[in-house]
Amino acid sequence: MFSLYAEIVGSAVRNDKEVHGIMILGTECKILQYADDTTMILDDSQSSFARLEIYLIKIRHSLAIMLLSLSII
């Protein structure tokens, strides 16, 4: 379940132009994912954190609906 959650958030963060990471050798780095580890490297702007919060709320809601439909919870 965590892998699905992490992959959805990672994909959303990577593709969102409103979320800003840090620049490393001319490349913007927003998120690092390897196996079951996820690290987000965001700048300190409020827009980045606000967008991330929106993604997390939407994904939690979607996962809850999926689990209810499967009668797991």
N, C-alpha and C. Protein backbone atom coordinates (compact mmCIF):
# COMPACT_ATOMS: atom_id res chain seq x y z
N MET A 1 0.83 -1.18 0.00
CA MET A 1 0.00 0.00 0.00
C MET A 1 0.89 1.26 0.00
N PHE A 2 1.94 1.25 0.82
CA PHE A 2 2.83 2.41 0.89
C PHE A 2 3.46 2.69 -0.46
N SER A 3 3.84 1.65 -1.19
CA SER A 3 4.48 1.84 -2.49
C SER A 3 3.57 2.57 -3.46
N LEU A 4 2.29 2.24 -3.46
CA LEU A 4 1.35 2.94 -4.33
C LEU A 4 1.25 4.40 -3.94
N TYR A 5 1.15 4.65 -2.67
CA TYR A 5 1.04 6.01 -2.14
C TYR A 5 2.28 6.83 -2.51
N ALA A 6 3.45 6.26 -2.28
CA ALA A 6 4.70 6.98 -2.54
C ALA A 6 4.88 7.26 -4.03
N GLU A 7 4.51 6.32 -4.87
CA GLU A 7 4.68 6.51 -6.31
C GLU A 7 3.73 7.59 -6.84
N ILE A 8 2.52 7.63 -6.34
CA ILE A 8 1.56 8.64 -6.79
C ILE A 8 2.03 10.04 -6.37
N VAL A 9 2.45 10.18 -5.13
CA VAL A 9 2.94 11.48 -4.65
C VAL A 9 4.20 11.87 -5.42
N GLY A 10 5.11 10.93 -5.61
CA GLY A 10 6.35 11.23 -6.33
C GLY A 10 6.10 11.70 -7.75
N SER A 11 5.22 11.04 -8.44
CA SER A 11 4.90 11.43 -9.81
C SER A 11 4.25 12.81 -9.85
N ALA A 12 3.35 13.06 -8.92
CA ALA A 12 2.68 14.36 -8.87
C ALA A 12 3.67 15.49 -8.58
N VAL A 13 4.56 15.28 -7.64
CA VAL A 13 5.55 16.30 -7.27
C VAL A 13 6.51 16.56 -8.43
N ARG A 14 6.99 15.51 -9.06
CA ARG A 14 7.93 15.67 -10.18
C ARG A 14 7.32 16.46 -11.33
N ASN A 15 6.04 16.27 -11.60
CA ASN A 15 5.39 16.90 -12.75
C ASN A 15 4.78 18.26 -12.47
N ASP A 16 4.74 18.69 -11.22
CA ASP A 16 4.09 19.95 -10.85
C ASP A 16 5.08 21.11 -10.96
N LYS A 17 4.74 22.08 -11.80
CA LYS A 17 5.60 23.26 -11.99
C LYS A 17 5.53 24.24 -10.82
N GLU A 18 4.51 24.10 -9.97
CA GLU A 18 4.35 24.99 -8.80
C GLU A 18 5.21 24.54 -7.61
N VAL A 19 5.65 23.29 -7.63
CA VAL A 19 6.50 22.77 -6.56
C VAL A 19 7.95 22.96 -6.99
N HIS A 20 8.74 23.62 -6.15
CA HIS A 20 10.12 23.93 -6.50
C HIS A 20 11.09 23.20 -5.58
N GLY A 21 12.07 22.57 -6.20
CA GLY A 21 13.11 21.89 -5.44
C GLY A 21 14.35 22.76 -5.39
N ILE A 22 15.48 22.13 -5.15
CA ILE A 22 16.75 22.86 -5.13
C ILE A 22 17.51 22.56 -6.41
N MET A 23 18.37 23.47 -6.79
CA MET A 23 19.16 23.29 -8.01
C MET A 23 20.49 22.63 -7.68
N ILE A 24 20.79 21.54 -8.37
CA ILE A 24 22.05 20.84 -8.22
C ILE A 24 22.66 20.70 -9.61
N LEU A 25 23.77 21.37 -9.84
CA LEU A 25 24.46 21.36 -11.12
C LEU A 25 23.51 21.68 -12.28
N GLY A 26 22.65 22.66 -12.09
CA GLY A 26 21.75 23.11 -13.13
C GLY A 26 20.49 22.27 -13.31
N THR A 27 20.30 21.27 -12.46
CA THR A 27 19.11 20.42 -12.54
C THR A 27 18.30 20.57 -11.27
N GLU A 28 16.99 20.77 -11.43
CA GLU A 28 16.14 20.91 -10.26
C GLU A 28 15.86 19.53 -9.65
N CYS A 29 16.13 19.40 -8.37
CA CYS A 29 15.92 18.16 -7.65
C CYS A 29 14.78 18.37 -6.65
N LYS A 30 13.67 17.65 -6.83
CA LYS A 30 12.50 17.79 -5.97
C LYS A 30 12.31 16.58 -5.06
N ILE A 31 12.55 15.39 -5.61
CA ILE A 31 12.25 14.18 -4.86
C ILE A 31 13.23 13.08 -5.25
N LEU A 32 13.65 12.32 -4.27
CA LEU A 32 14.51 11.16 -4.49
C LEU A 32 13.76 9.93 -4.00
N GLN A 33 13.65 8.92 -4.85
CA GLN A 33 12.97 7.69 -4.46
C GLN A 33 13.83 6.50 -4.85
N TYR A 34 14.01 5.60 -3.89
CA TYR A 34 14.74 4.36 -4.14
C TYR A 34 14.13 3.28 -3.26
N ALA A 35 13.66 2.23 -3.89
CA ALA A 35 12.99 1.12 -3.18
C ALA A 35 11.86 1.68 -2.32
N ASP A 36 11.95 1.54 -1.00
CA ASP A 36 10.86 2.03 -0.15
C ASP A 36 11.21 3.34 0.56
N ASP A 37 12.24 4.03 0.09
CA ASP A 37 12.64 5.31 0.67
C ASP A 37 12.21 6.46 -0.24
N THR A 38 11.65 7.49 0.35
CA THR A 38 11.26 8.69 -0.38
C THR A 38 11.75 9.91 0.38
N THR A 39 12.50 10.78 -0.29
CA THR A 39 12.99 12.01 0.30
C THR A 39 12.60 13.18 -0.60
N MET A 40 11.92 14.16 -0.03
CA MET A 40 11.56 15.35 -0.80
C MET A 40 12.50 16.47 -0.44
N ILE A 41 12.98 17.16 -1.46
CA ILE A 41 13.91 18.26 -1.29
C ILE A 41 13.26 19.49 -1.92
N LEU A 42 12.53 20.24 -1.10
CA LEU A 42 11.78 21.39 -1.60
C LEU A 42 12.41 22.69 -1.12
N ASP A 43 12.20 23.74 -1.90
CA ASP A 43 12.63 25.05 -1.43
C ASP A 43 11.71 25.47 -0.29
N ASP A 44 11.96 26.60 0.29
CA ASP A 44 11.18 27.01 1.47
C ASP A 44 9.98 27.88 1.12
N SER A 45 9.56 27.88 -0.14
CA SER A 45 8.40 28.70 -0.52
C SER A 45 7.11 28.06 -0.02
N GLN A 46 6.17 28.90 0.34
CA GLN A 46 4.87 28.41 0.83
C GLN A 46 4.11 27.67 -0.27
N SER A 47 4.31 28.06 -1.52
CA SER A 47 3.57 27.41 -2.60
C SER A 47 3.94 25.93 -2.72
N SER A 48 5.21 25.61 -2.54
CA SER A 48 5.63 24.21 -2.61
C SER A 48 4.96 23.38 -1.53
N PHE A 49 4.95 23.88 -0.31
CA PHE A 49 4.36 23.13 0.80
C PHE A 49 2.85 23.06 0.68
N ALA A 50 2.22 24.12 0.20
CA ALA A 50 0.77 24.12 0.03
C ALA A 50 0.35 23.10 -1.02
N ARG A 51 1.07 23.04 -2.13
CA ARG A 51 0.76 22.08 -3.19
C ARG A 51 0.96 20.65 -2.69
N LEU A 52 2.02 20.41 -1.95
CA LEU A 52 2.28 19.08 -1.41
C LEU A 52 1.16 18.65 -0.47
N GLU A 53 0.70 19.57 0.36
CA GLU A 53 -0.39 19.26 1.28
C GLU A 53 -1.66 18.87 0.52
N ILE A 54 -1.95 19.57 -0.57
CA ILE A 54 -3.12 19.24 -1.39
C ILE A 54 -3.00 17.83 -1.95
N TYR A 55 -1.81 17.47 -2.45
CA TYR A 55 -1.62 16.11 -2.98
C TYR A 55 -1.84 15.06 -1.91
N LEU A 56 -1.29 15.28 -0.74
CA LEU A 56 -1.42 14.30 0.33
C LEU A 56 -2.88 14.11 0.74
N ILE A 57 -3.63 15.18 0.82
CA ILE A 57 -5.05 15.08 1.18
C ILE A 57 -5.82 14.32 0.10
N LYS A 58 -5.59 14.64 -1.16
CA LYS A 58 -6.29 13.96 -2.25
C LYS A 58 -5.96 12.47 -2.29
N ILE A 59 -4.71 12.14 -2.07
CA ILE A 59 -4.31 10.74 -2.14
C ILE A 59 -4.87 9.96 -0.96
N ARG A 60 -4.86 10.53 0.23
CA ARG A 60 -5.47 9.87 1.39
C ARG A 60 -6.94 9.59 1.13
N HIS A 61 -7.62 10.57 0.57
CA HIS A 61 -9.04 10.42 0.27
C HIS A 61 -9.24 9.29 -0.75
N SER A 62 -8.45 9.27 -1.80
CA SER A 62 -8.57 8.24 -2.83
C SER A 62 -8.28 6.85 -2.28
N LEU A 63 -7.26 6.73 -1.45
CA LEU A 63 -6.94 5.43 -0.86
C LEU A 63 -8.05 4.96 0.08
N ALA A 64 -8.64 5.86 0.83
CA ALA A 64 -9.73 5.49 1.73
C ALA A 64 -10.92 4.97 0.92
N ILE A 65 -11.23 5.62 -0.18
CA ILE A 65 -12.34 5.17 -1.03
C ILE A 65 -12.04 3.79 -1.60
N MET A 66 -10.79 3.58 -2.04
CA MET A 66 -10.41 2.30 -2.60
C MET A 66 -10.54 1.20 -1.54
N LEU A 67 -10.04 1.45 -0.33
CA LEU A 67 -10.10 0.46 0.73
C LEU A 67 -11.55 0.17 1.13
N LEU A 68 -12.38 1.19 1.17
CA LEU A 68 -13.79 0.96 1.49
C LEU A 68 -14.47 0.11 0.43
N SER A 69 -14.11 0.36 -0.81
CA SER A 69 -14.72 -0.42 -1.88
C SER A 69 -14.28 -1.89 -1.84
N LEU A 70 -13.10 -2.13 -1.30
CA LEU A 70 -12.61 -3.50 -1.16
C LEU A 70 -13.02 -4.12 0.18
N SER A 71 -13.68 -3.32 1.02
CA SER A 71 -14.11 -3.73 2.36
C SER A 71 -12.94 -4.18 3.23
N ILE A 72 -11.81 -3.48 3.08
CA ILE A 72 -10.62 -3.80 3.88
C ILE A 72 -10.66 -3.09 5.20
N ILE A 73 -11.21 -1.87 5.23
CA ILE A 73 -11.26 -1.13 6.50
C ILE A 73 -12.67 -1.10 7.03
